[in-house]
Amino acid sequence: MAAAGIALAALLIFGRRFWPGIWLGALLNELATAASFSGQLDSAAIAAALLIASGSTLQAVVASVLSEKYLQPGLPKLETPGASWRFSCWPVRWPV
């Protein structure tokens, strides 16, 4: 998904303080999509857009945290199988 990659790149470049902009962009995108399909926005469509935008933002923030923790610019920290395994399974073993 291109939007997820763009959101992750924005958080990695500008920092996690930009998460509200990602949430707002995702919300507007979902509202526009819902309006284009049905021609109107009802409360169910707005609730769904709010939840999807929140999930998209959470996805980018978690990926940003993982990337900052396990990756380093120019020096990848995923050199061993154990490090790769911890990076892949971090959500399962909450908290790290």
PDB file of N, CA and C in Angstrom:
ATOM      1  N   MET A   1       0.842  -1.166   0.000  1.00  0.00           N
ATOM      2  CA  MET A   1       0.000   0.000   0.000  1.00  0.00           C
ATOM      3  C   MET A   1       0.894   1.237   0.000  1.00  0.00           C
ATOM      4  N   ALA A   2       0.756   2.066  -0.979  1.00  0.00           N
ATOM      5  CA  ALA A   2       1.618   3.241  -1.117  1.00  0.00           C
ATOM      6  C   ALA A   2       1.402   4.238   0.012  1.00  0.00           C
ATOM      7  N   ALA A   3       0.179   4.432   0.457  1.00  0.00           N
ATOM      8  CA  ALA A   3      -0.086   5.413   1.512  1.00  0.00           C
ATOM      9  C   ALA A   3       0.609   5.035   2.816  1.00  0.00           C
ATOM     10  N   ALA A   4       0.666   3.754   3.130  1.00  0.00           N
ATOM     11  CA  ALA A   4       1.335   3.314   4.357  1.00  0.00           C
ATOM     12  C   ALA A   4       2.823   3.597   4.285  1.00  0.00           C
ATOM     13  N   GLY A   5       3.426   3.381   3.146  1.00  0.00           N
ATOM     14  CA  GLY A   5       4.846   3.666   2.979  1.00  0.00           C
ATOM     15  C   GLY A   5       5.149   5.151   3.053  1.00  0.00           C
ATOM     16  N   ILE A   6       4.282   5.951   2.476  1.00  0.00           N
ATOM     17  CA  ILE A   6       4.466   7.408   2.537  1.00  0.00           C
ATOM     18  C   ILE A   6       4.315   7.896   3.976  1.00  0.00           C
ATOM     19  N   ALA A   7       3.340   7.360   4.687  1.00  0.00           N
ATOM     20  CA  ALA A   7       3.149   7.745   6.089  1.00  0.00           C
ATOM     21  C   ALA A   7       4.355   7.349   6.925  1.00  0.00           C
ATOM     22  N   LEU A   8       4.868   6.145   6.711  1.00  0.00           N
ATOM     23  CA  LEU A   8       6.046   5.700   7.453  1.00  0.00           C
ATOM     24  C   LEU A   8       7.251   6.579   7.133  1.00  0.00           C
ATOM     25  N   ALA A   9       7.444   6.883   5.860  1.00  0.00           N
ATOM     26  CA  ALA A   9       8.568   7.739   5.473  1.00  0.00           C
ATOM     27  C   ALA A   9       8.446   9.118   6.126  1.00  0.00           C
ATOM     28  N   ALA A  10       7.253   9.668   6.166  1.00  0.00           N
ATOM     29  CA  ALA A  10       7.057  10.985   6.791  1.00  0.00           C
ATOM     30  C   ALA A  10       7.409  10.942   8.276  1.00  0.00           C
ATOM     31  N   LEU A  11       7.003   9.883   8.960  1.00  0.00           N
ATOM     32  CA  LEU A  11       7.314   9.781  10.384  1.00  0.00           C
ATOM     33  C   LEU A  11       8.802   9.569  10.617  1.00  0.00           C
ATOM     34  N   LEU A  12       9.452   8.809   9.761  1.00  0.00           N
ATOM     35  CA  LEU A  12      10.886   8.582   9.933  1.00  0.00           C
ATOM     36  C   LEU A  12      11.694   9.837   9.620  1.00  0.00           C
ATOM     37  N   ILE A  13      11.249  10.612   8.655  1.00  0.00           N
ATOM     38  CA  ILE A  13      11.984  11.817   8.276  1.00  0.00           C
ATOM     39  C   ILE A  13      11.696  12.980   9.223  1.00  0.00           C
ATOM     40  N   PHE A  14      10.434  13.221   9.507  1.00  0.00           N
ATOM     41  CA  PHE A  14      10.048  14.401  10.279  1.00  0.00           C
ATOM     42  C   PHE A  14       9.787  14.124  11.758  1.00  0.00           C
ATOM     43  N   GLY A  15       9.690  12.874  12.137  1.00  0.00           N
ATOM     44  CA  GLY A  15       9.451  12.520  13.535  1.00  0.00           C
ATOM     45  C   GLY A  15       8.002  12.176  13.806  1.00  0.00           C
ATOM     46  N   ARG A  16       7.794  11.526  14.941  1.00  0.00           N
ATOM     47  CA  ARG A  16       6.442  11.057  15.275  1.00  0.00           C
ATOM     48  C   ARG A  16       5.490  12.175  15.658  1.00  0.00           C
ATOM     49  N   ARG A  17       5.992  13.379  15.837  1.00  0.00           N
ATOM     50  CA  ARG A  17       5.084  14.487  16.169  1.00  0.00           C
ATOM     51  C   ARG A  17       4.166  14.841  15.001  1.00  0.00           C
ATOM     52  N   PHE A  18       4.410  14.279  13.826  1.00  0.00           N
ATOM     53  CA  PHE A  18       3.579  14.547  12.655  1.00  0.00           C
ATOM     54  C   PHE A  18       2.423  13.554  12.503  1.00  0.00           C
ATOM     55  N   TRP A  19       2.181  12.718  13.505  1.00  0.00           N
ATOM     56  CA  TRP A  19       1.115  11.730  13.385  1.00  0.00           C
ATOM     57  C   TRP A  19      -0.264  12.363  13.191  1.00  0.00           C
ATOM     58  N   PRO A  20      -0.579  13.541  13.756  1.00  0.00           N
ATOM     59  CA  PRO A  20      -1.913  14.105  13.498  1.00  0.00           C
ATOM     60  C   PRO A  20      -2.158  14.409  12.019  1.00  0.00           C
ATOM     61  N   GLY A  21      -1.120  14.808  11.300  1.00  0.00           N
ATOM     62  CA  GLY A  21      -1.274  15.059   9.865  1.00  0.00           C
ATOM     63  C   GLY A  21      -1.573  13.786   9.099  1.00  0.00           C
ATOM     64  N   ILE A  22      -0.964  12.695   9.515  1.00  0.00           N
ATOM     65  CA  ILE A  22      -1.237  11.402   8.877  1.00  0.00           C
ATOM     66  C   ILE A  22      -2.670  10.988   9.164  1.00  0.00           C
ATOM     67  N   TRP A  23      -3.102  11.181  10.404  1.00  0.00           N
ATOM     68  CA  TRP A  23      -4.474  10.820  10.765  1.00  0.00           C
ATOM     69  C   TRP A  23      -5.484  11.653   9.976  1.00  0.00           C
ATOM     70  N   LEU A  24      -5.240  12.945   9.881  1.00  0.00           N
ATOM     71  CA  LEU A  24      -6.158  13.823   9.156  1.00  0.00           C
ATOM     72  C   LEU A  24      -6.207  13.456   7.669  1.00  0.00           C
ATOM     73  N   GLY A  25      -5.056  13.190   7.079  1.00  0.00           N
ATOM     74  CA  GLY A  25      -5.026  12.791   5.673  1.00  0.00           C
ATOM     75  C   GLY A  25      -5.758  11.485   5.431  1.00  0.00           C
ATOM     76  N   ALA A  26      -5.569  10.521   6.319  1.00  0.00           N
ATOM     77  CA  ALA A  26      -6.261   9.237   6.182  1.00  0.00           C
ATOM     78  C   ALA A  26      -7.771   9.414   6.357  1.00  0.00           C
ATOM     79  N   LEU A  27      -8.160  10.264   7.309  1.00  0.00           N
ATOM     80  CA  LEU A  27      -9.587  10.513   7.538  1.00  0.00           C
ATOM     81  C   LEU A  27     -10.233  11.159   6.315  1.00  0.00           C
ATOM     82  N   LEU A  28      -9.600  12.187   5.779  1.00  0.00           N
ATOM     83  CA  LEU A  28     -10.159  12.856   4.604  1.00  0.00           C
ATOM     84  C   LEU A  28     -10.233  11.904   3.409  1.00  0.00           C
ATOM     85  N   ASN A  29      -9.239  11.069   3.261  1.00  0.00           N
ATOM     86  CA  ASN A  29      -9.253  10.086   2.181  1.00  0.00           C
ATOM     87  C   ASN A  29     -10.419   9.111   2.334  1.00  0.00           C
ATOM     88  N   GLU A  30     -10.616   8.609   3.543  1.00  0.00           N
ATOM     89  CA  GLU A  30     -11.711   7.656   3.776  1.00  0.00           C
ATOM     90  C   GLU A  30     -13.081   8.318   3.623  1.00  0.00           C
ATOM     91  N   LEU A  31     -13.216   9.564   4.081  1.00  0.00           N
ATOM     92  CA  LEU A  31     -14.490  10.264   3.920  1.00  0.00           C
ATOM     93  C   LEU A  31     -14.787  10.516   2.444  1.00  0.00           C
ATOM     94  N   ALA A  32     -13.771  10.900   1.687  1.00  0.00           N
ATOM     95  CA  ALA A  32     -13.965  11.129   0.251  1.00  0.00           C
ATOM     96  C   ALA A  32     -14.322   9.840  -0.462  1.00  0.00           C
ATOM     97  N   THR A  33     -13.700   8.747  -0.076  1.00  0.00           N
ATOM     98  CA  THR A  33     -14.017   7.454  -0.688  1.00  0.00           C
ATOM     99  C   THR A  33     -15.450   7.042  -0.376  1.00  0.00           C
ATOM    100  N   ALA A  34     -15.848   7.188   0.890  1.00  0.00           N
ATOM    101  CA  ALA A  34     -17.215   6.826   1.272  1.00  0.00           C
ATOM    102  C   ALA A  34     -18.237   7.693   0.551  1.00  0.00           C
ATOM    103  N   ALA A  35     -17.959   8.975   0.424  1.00  0.00           N
ATOM    104  CA  ALA A  35     -18.895   9.883  -0.249  1.00  0.00           C
ATOM    105  C   ALA A  35     -18.990   9.572  -1.735  1.00  0.00           C
ATOM    106  N   SER A  36     -17.892   9.151  -2.340  1.00  0.00           N
ATOM    107  CA  SER A  36     -17.939   8.864  -3.775  1.00  0.00           C
ATOM    108  C   SER A  36     -18.718   7.592  -4.076  1.00  0.00           C
ATOM    109  N   PHE A  37     -18.723   6.639  -3.135  1.00  0.00           N
ATOM    110  CA  PHE A  37     -19.468   5.406  -3.374  1.00  0.00           C
ATOM    111  C   PHE A  37     -20.955   5.563  -3.123  1.00  0.00           C
ATOM    112  N   SER A  38     -21.307   6.235  -2.034  1.00  0.00           N
ATOM    113  CA  SER A  38     -22.726   6.314  -1.679  1.00  0.00           C
ATOM    114  C   SER A  38     -23.367   7.649  -2.023  1.00  0.00           C
ATOM    115  N   GLY A  39     -22.584   8.667  -2.273  1.00  0.00           N
ATOM    116  CA  GLY A  39     -23.128   9.975  -2.582  1.00  0.00           C
ATOM    117  C   GLY A  39     -23.496  10.779  -1.354  1.00  0.00           C
ATOM    118  N   GLN A  40     -23.409  10.178  -0.177  1.00  0.00           N
ATOM    119  CA  GLN A  40     -23.707  10.877   1.060  1.00  0.00           C
ATOM    120  C   GLN A  40     -22.920  10.231   2.187  1.00  0.00           C
ATOM    121  N   LEU A  41     -22.797  10.963   3.281  1.00  0.00           N
ATOM    122  CA  LEU A  41     -22.095  10.437   4.446  1.00  0.00           C
ATOM    123  C   LEU A  41     -23.086  10.260   5.587  1.00  0.00           C
ATOM    124  N   ASP A  42     -23.269   9.035   6.014  1.00  0.00           N
ATOM    125  CA  ASP A  42     -24.107   8.793   7.180  1.00  0.00           C
ATOM    126  C   ASP A  42     -23.205   8.513   8.379  1.00  0.00           C
ATOM    127  N   SER A  43     -23.794   8.311   9.531  1.00  0.00           N
ATOM    128  CA  SER A  43     -23.001   8.144  10.750  1.00  0.00           C
ATOM    129  C   SER A  43     -22.148   6.878  10.699  1.00  0.00           C
ATOM    130  N   ALA A  44     -22.621   5.831  10.058  1.00  0.00           N
ATOM    131  CA  ALA A  44     -21.843   4.595   9.957  1.00  0.00           C
ATOM    132  C   ALA A  44     -20.592   4.813   9.097  1.00  0.00           C
ATOM    133  N   ALA A  45     -20.730   5.558   8.016  1.00  0.00           N
ATOM    134  CA  ALA A  45     -19.582   5.830   7.153  1.00  0.00           C
ATOM    135  C   ALA A  45     -18.560   6.711   7.870  1.00  0.00           C
ATOM    136  N   ILE A  46     -19.044   7.662   8.638  1.00  0.00           N
ATOM    137  CA  ILE A  46     -18.126   8.530   9.386  1.00  0.00           C
ATOM    138  C   ILE A  46     -17.405   7.738  10.472  1.00  0.00           C
ATOM    139  N   ALA A  47     -18.132   6.872  11.181  1.00  0.00           N
ATOM    140  CA  ALA A  47     -17.506   6.035  12.210  1.00  0.00           C
ATOM    141  C   ALA A  47     -16.457   5.107  11.601  1.00  0.00           C
ATOM    142  N   ALA A  48     -16.794   4.517  10.468  1.00  0.00           N
ATOM    143  CA  ALA A  48     -15.832   3.633   9.794  1.00  0.00           C
ATOM    144  C   ALA A  48     -14.599   4.416   9.360  1.00  0.00           C
ATOM    145  N   ALA A  49     -14.791   5.615   8.840  1.00  0.00           N
ATOM    146  CA  ALA A  49     -13.655   6.441   8.418  1.00  0.00           C
ATOM    147  C   ALA A  49     -12.770   6.810   9.606  1.00  0.00           C
ATOM    148  N   LEU A  50     -13.385   7.118  10.738  1.00  0.00           N
ATOM    149  CA  LEU A  50     -12.606   7.437  11.940  1.00  0.00           C
ATOM    150  C   LEU A  50     -11.784   6.240  12.401  1.00  0.00           C
ATOM    151  N   LEU A  51     -12.381   5.063  12.401  1.00  0.00           N
ATOM    152  CA  LEU A  51     -11.662   3.857  12.819  1.00  0.00           C
ATOM    153  C   LEU A  51     -10.545   3.492  11.848  1.00  0.00           C
ATOM    154  N   ILE A  52     -10.815   3.583  10.563  1.00  0.00           N
ATOM    155  CA  ILE A  52      -9.795   3.255   9.570  1.00  0.00           C
ATOM    156  C   ILE A  52      -8.633   4.242   9.639  1.00  0.00           C
ATOM    157  N   ALA A  53      -8.933   5.520   9.790  1.00  0.00           N
ATOM    158  CA  ALA A  53      -7.877   6.525   9.907  1.00  0.00           C
ATOM    159  C   ALA A  53      -7.038   6.280  11.157  1.00  0.00           C
ATOM    160  N   SER A  54      -7.680   5.915  12.258  1.00  0.00           N
ATOM    161  CA  SER A  54      -6.941   5.629  13.486  1.00  0.00           C
ATOM    162  C   SER A  54      -6.055   4.400  13.316  1.00  0.00           C
ATOM    163  N   GLY A  55      -6.574   3.373  12.668  1.00  0.00           N
ATOM    164  CA  GLY A  55      -5.777   2.170  12.421  1.00  0.00           C
ATOM    165  C   GLY A  55      -4.605   2.438  11.499  1.00  0.00           C
ATOM    166  N   SER A  56      -4.820   3.226  10.469  1.00  0.00           N
ATOM    167  CA  SER A  56      -3.733   3.570   9.545  1.00  0.00           C
ATOM    168  C   SER A  56      -2.638   4.354  10.250  1.00  0.00           C
ATOM    169  N   THR A  57      -3.035   5.278  11.112  1.00  0.00           N
ATOM    170  CA  THR A  57      -2.066   6.071  11.850  1.00  0.00           C
ATOM    171  C   THR A  57      -1.305   5.204  12.845  1.00  0.00           C
ATOM    172  N   LEU A  58      -2.011   4.338  13.539  1.00  0.00           N
ATOM    173  CA  LEU A  58      -1.364   3.436  14.484  1.00  0.00           C
ATOM    174  C   LEU A  58      -0.361   2.531  13.772  1.00  0.00           C
ATOM    175  N   GLN A  59      -0.725   2.054  12.601  1.00  0.00           N
ATOM    176  CA  GLN A  59       0.173   1.217  11.804  1.00  0.00           C
ATOM    177  C   GLN A  59       1.468   1.957  11.494  1.00  0.00           C
ATOM    178  N   ALA A  60       1.374   3.197  11.064  1.00  0.00           N
ATOM    179  CA  ALA A  60       2.567   3.969  10.726  1.00  0.00           C
ATOM    180  C   ALA A  60       3.407   4.274  11.960  1.00  0.00           C
ATOM    181  N   VAL A  61       2.762   4.590  13.080  1.00  0.00           N
ATOM    182  CA  VAL A  61       3.501   4.914  14.299  1.00  0.00           C
ATOM    183  C   VAL A  61       4.231   3.680  14.823  1.00  0.00           C
ATOM    184  N   VAL A  62       3.573   2.534  14.835  1.00  0.00           N
ATOM    185  CA  VAL A  62       4.219   1.303  15.299  1.00  0.00           C
ATOM    186  C   VAL A  62       5.382   0.935  14.383  1.00  0.00           C
ATOM    187  N   ALA A  63       5.197   1.054  13.085  1.00  0.00           N
ATOM    188  CA  ALA A  63       6.284   0.763  12.146  1.00  0.00           C
ATOM    189  C   ALA A  63       7.444   1.732  12.348  1.00  0.00           C
ATOM    190  N   SER A  64       7.146   2.972  12.661  1.00  0.00           N
ATOM    191  CA  SER A  64       8.186   3.962  12.916  1.00  0.00           C
ATOM    192  C   SER A  64       8.973   3.610  14.179  1.00  0.00           C
ATOM    193  N   VAL A  65       8.262   3.233  15.224  1.00  0.00           N
ATOM    194  CA  VAL A  65       8.921   2.843  16.479  1.00  0.00           C
ATOM    195  C   VAL A  65       9.813   1.631  16.247  1.00  0.00           C
ATOM    196  N   LEU A  66       9.288   0.628  15.551  1.00  0.00           N
ATOM    197  CA  LEU A  66      10.080  -0.571  15.269  1.00  0.00           C
ATOM    198  C   LEU A  66      11.301  -0.247  14.421  1.00  0.00           C
ATOM    199  N   SER A  67      11.124   0.583  13.422  1.00  0.00           N
ATOM    200  CA  SER A  67      12.235   0.933  12.541  1.00  0.00           C
ATOM    201  C   SER A  67      13.310   1.700  13.290  1.00  0.00           C
ATOM    202  N   GLU A  68      12.896   2.616  14.145  1.00  0.00           N
ATOM    203  CA  GLU A  68      13.882   3.375  14.906  1.00  0.00           C
ATOM    204  C   GLU A  68      14.590   2.504  15.934  1.00  0.00           C
ATOM    205  N   LYS A  69      13.886   1.500  16.454  1.00  0.00           N
ATOM    206  CA  LYS A  69      14.489   0.642  17.464  1.00  0.00           C
ATOM    207  C   LYS A  69      15.444  -0.376  16.849  1.00  0.00           C
ATOM    208  N   TYR A  70      15.059  -0.968  15.737  1.00  0.00           N
ATOM    209  CA  TYR A  70      15.828  -2.075  15.186  1.00  0.00           C
ATOM    210  C   TYR A  70      16.651  -1.720  13.951  1.00  0.00           C
ATOM    211  N   LEU A  71      16.458  -0.559  13.390  1.00  0.00           N
ATOM    212  CA  LEU A  71      17.233  -0.146  12.226  1.00  0.00           C
ATOM    213  C   LEU A  71      17.961   1.144  12.536  1.00  0.00           C
ATOM    214  N   GLN A  72      19.089   1.322  11.905  1.00  0.00           N
ATOM    215  CA  GLN A  72      19.886   2.512  12.114  1.00  0.00           C
ATOM    216  C   GLN A  72      20.313   3.021  10.745  1.00  0.00           C
ATOM    217  N   PRO A  73      20.248   4.308  10.480  1.00  0.00           N
ATOM    218  CA  PRO A  73      20.651   4.813   9.170  1.00  0.00           C
ATOM    219  C   PRO A  73      22.093   4.413   8.843  1.00  0.00           C
ATOM    220  N   GLY A  74      22.273   3.743   7.730  1.00  0.00           N
ATOM    221  CA  GLY A  74      23.592   3.338   7.281  1.00  0.00           C
ATOM    222  C   GLY A  74      24.125   2.069   7.915  1.00  0.00           C
ATOM    223  N   LEU A  75      23.624   1.693   9.089  1.00  0.00           N
ATOM    224  CA  LEU A  75      24.096   0.505   9.789  1.00  0.00           C
ATOM    225  C   LEU A  75      22.918  -0.370  10.192  1.00  0.00           C
ATOM    226  N   PRO A  76      22.496  -1.275   9.333  1.00  0.00           N
ATOM    227  CA  PRO A  76      21.348  -2.105   9.694  1.00  0.00           C
ATOM    228  C   PRO A  76      21.634  -2.958  10.924  1.00  0.00           C
ATOM    229  N   LYS A  77      20.691  -3.024  11.807  1.00  0.00           N
ATOM    230  CA  LYS A  77      20.827  -3.839  13.011  1.00  0.00           C
ATOM    231  C   LYS A  77      20.246  -5.235  12.825  1.00  0.00           C
ATOM    232  N   LEU A  78      19.738  -5.536  11.652  1.00  0.00           N
ATOM    233  CA  LEU A  78      19.125  -6.845  11.415  1.00  0.00           C
ATOM    234  C   LEU A  78      20.136  -7.807  10.787  1.00  0.00           C
ATOM    235  N   GLU A  79      21.303  -7.876  11.368  1.00  0.00           N
ATOM    236  CA  GLU A  79      22.353  -8.700  10.796  1.00  0.00           C
ATOM    237  C   GLU A  79      22.269 -10.153  11.232  1.00  0.00           C
ATOM    238  N   THR A  80      21.639 -10.432  12.339  1.00  0.00           N
ATOM    239  CA  THR A  80      21.551 -11.811  12.821  1.00  0.00           C
ATOM    240  C   THR A  80      20.121 -12.316  12.679  1.00  0.00           C
ATOM    241  N   PRO A  81      19.958 -13.635  12.578  1.00  0.00           N
ATOM    242  CA  PRO A  81      18.598 -14.187  12.507  1.00  0.00           C
ATOM    243  C   PRO A  81      17.768 -13.833  13.740  1.00  0.00           C
ATOM    244  N   GLY A  82      18.389 -13.787  14.907  1.00  0.00           N
ATOM    245  CA  GLY A  82      17.646 -13.437  16.124  1.00  0.00           C
ATOM    246  C   GLY A  82      17.104 -12.022  16.086  1.00  0.00           C
ATOM    247  N   ALA A  83      17.903 -11.099  15.576  1.00  0.00           N
ATOM    248  CA  ALA A  83      17.445  -9.708  15.477  1.00  0.00           C
ATOM    249  C   ALA A  83      16.293  -9.594  14.492  1.00  0.00           C
ATOM    250  N   SER A  84      16.387 -10.298  13.389  1.00  0.00           N
ATOM    251  CA  SER A  84      15.291 -10.289  12.405  1.00  0.00           C
ATOM    252  C   SER A  84      14.028 -10.889  13.000  1.00  0.00           C
ATOM    253  N   TRP A  85      14.181 -11.941  13.759  1.00  0.00           N
ATOM    254  CA  TRP A  85      13.026 -12.603  14.391  1.00  0.00           C
ATOM    255  C   TRP A  85      12.364 -11.664  15.395  1.00  0.00           C
ATOM    256  N   ARG A  86      13.157 -10.980  16.218  1.00  0.00           N
ATOM    257  CA  ARG A  86      12.586 -10.034  17.187  1.00  0.00           C
ATOM    258  C   ARG A  86      11.872  -8.889  16.482  1.00  0.00           C
ATOM    259  N   PHE A  87      12.438  -8.403  15.386  1.00  0.00           N
ATOM    260  CA  PHE A  87      11.813  -7.316  14.628  1.00  0.00           C
ATOM    261  C   PHE A  87      10.481  -7.775  14.050  1.00  0.00           C
ATOM    262  N   SER A  88      10.426  -9.008  13.553  1.00  0.00           N
ATOM    263  CA  SER A  88       9.207  -9.526  12.924  1.00  0.00           C
ATOM    264  C   SER A  88       8.128  -9.853  13.941  1.00  0.00           C
ATOM    265  N   CYS A  89       8.520 -10.297  15.105  1.00  0.00           N
ATOM    266  CA  CYS A  89       7.540 -10.775  16.091  1.00  0.00           C
ATOM    267  C   CYS A  89       7.310  -9.796  17.238  1.00  0.00           C
ATOM    268  N   TRP A  90       7.781  -8.579  17.112  1.00  0.00           N
ATOM    269  CA  TRP A  90       7.629  -7.621  18.203  1.00  0.00           C
ATOM    270  C   TRP A  90       6.179  -7.420  18.619  1.00  0.00           C
ATOM    271  N   PRO A  91       5.222  -7.301  17.708  1.00  0.00           N
ATOM    272  CA  PRO A  91       3.836  -7.094  18.168  1.00  0.00           C
ATOM    273  C   PRO A  91       3.297  -8.279  18.959  1.00  0.00           C
ATOM    274  N   VAL A  92       3.815  -9.470  18.715  1.00  0.00           N
ATOM    275  CA  VAL A  92       3.326 -10.664  19.409  1.00  0.00           C
ATOM    276  C   VAL A  92       3.811 -10.683  20.836  1.00  0.00           C
ATOM    277  N   ARG A  93       5.032 -10.217  21.087  1.00  0.00           N
ATOM    278  CA  ARG A  93       5.590 -10.298  22.432  1.00  0.00           C
ATOM    279  C   ARG A  93       5.530  -8.951  23.149  1.00  0.00           C
ATOM    280  N   TRP A  94       4.455  -8.280  23.053  1.00  0.00           N
ATOM    281  CA  TRP A  94       4.282  -6.952  23.633  1.00  0.00           C
ATOM    282  C   TRP A  94       4.480  -6.991  25.136  1.00  0.00           C
ATOM    283  N   PRO A  95       5.097  -6.105  25.797  1.00  0.00           N
ATOM    284  CA  PRO A  95       6.019  -5.113  25.267  1.00  0.00           C
ATOM    285  C   PRO A  95       7.411  -5.713  25.143  1.00  0.00           C
ATOM    286  N   VAL A  96       8.237  -5.061  24.344  1.00  0.00           N
ATOM    287  CA  VAL A  96       9.591  -5.560  24.115  1.00  0.00           C
ATOM    288  C   VAL A  96      10.476  -5.107  25.246  1.00  0.00           C
TER     289      VAL A  96
END
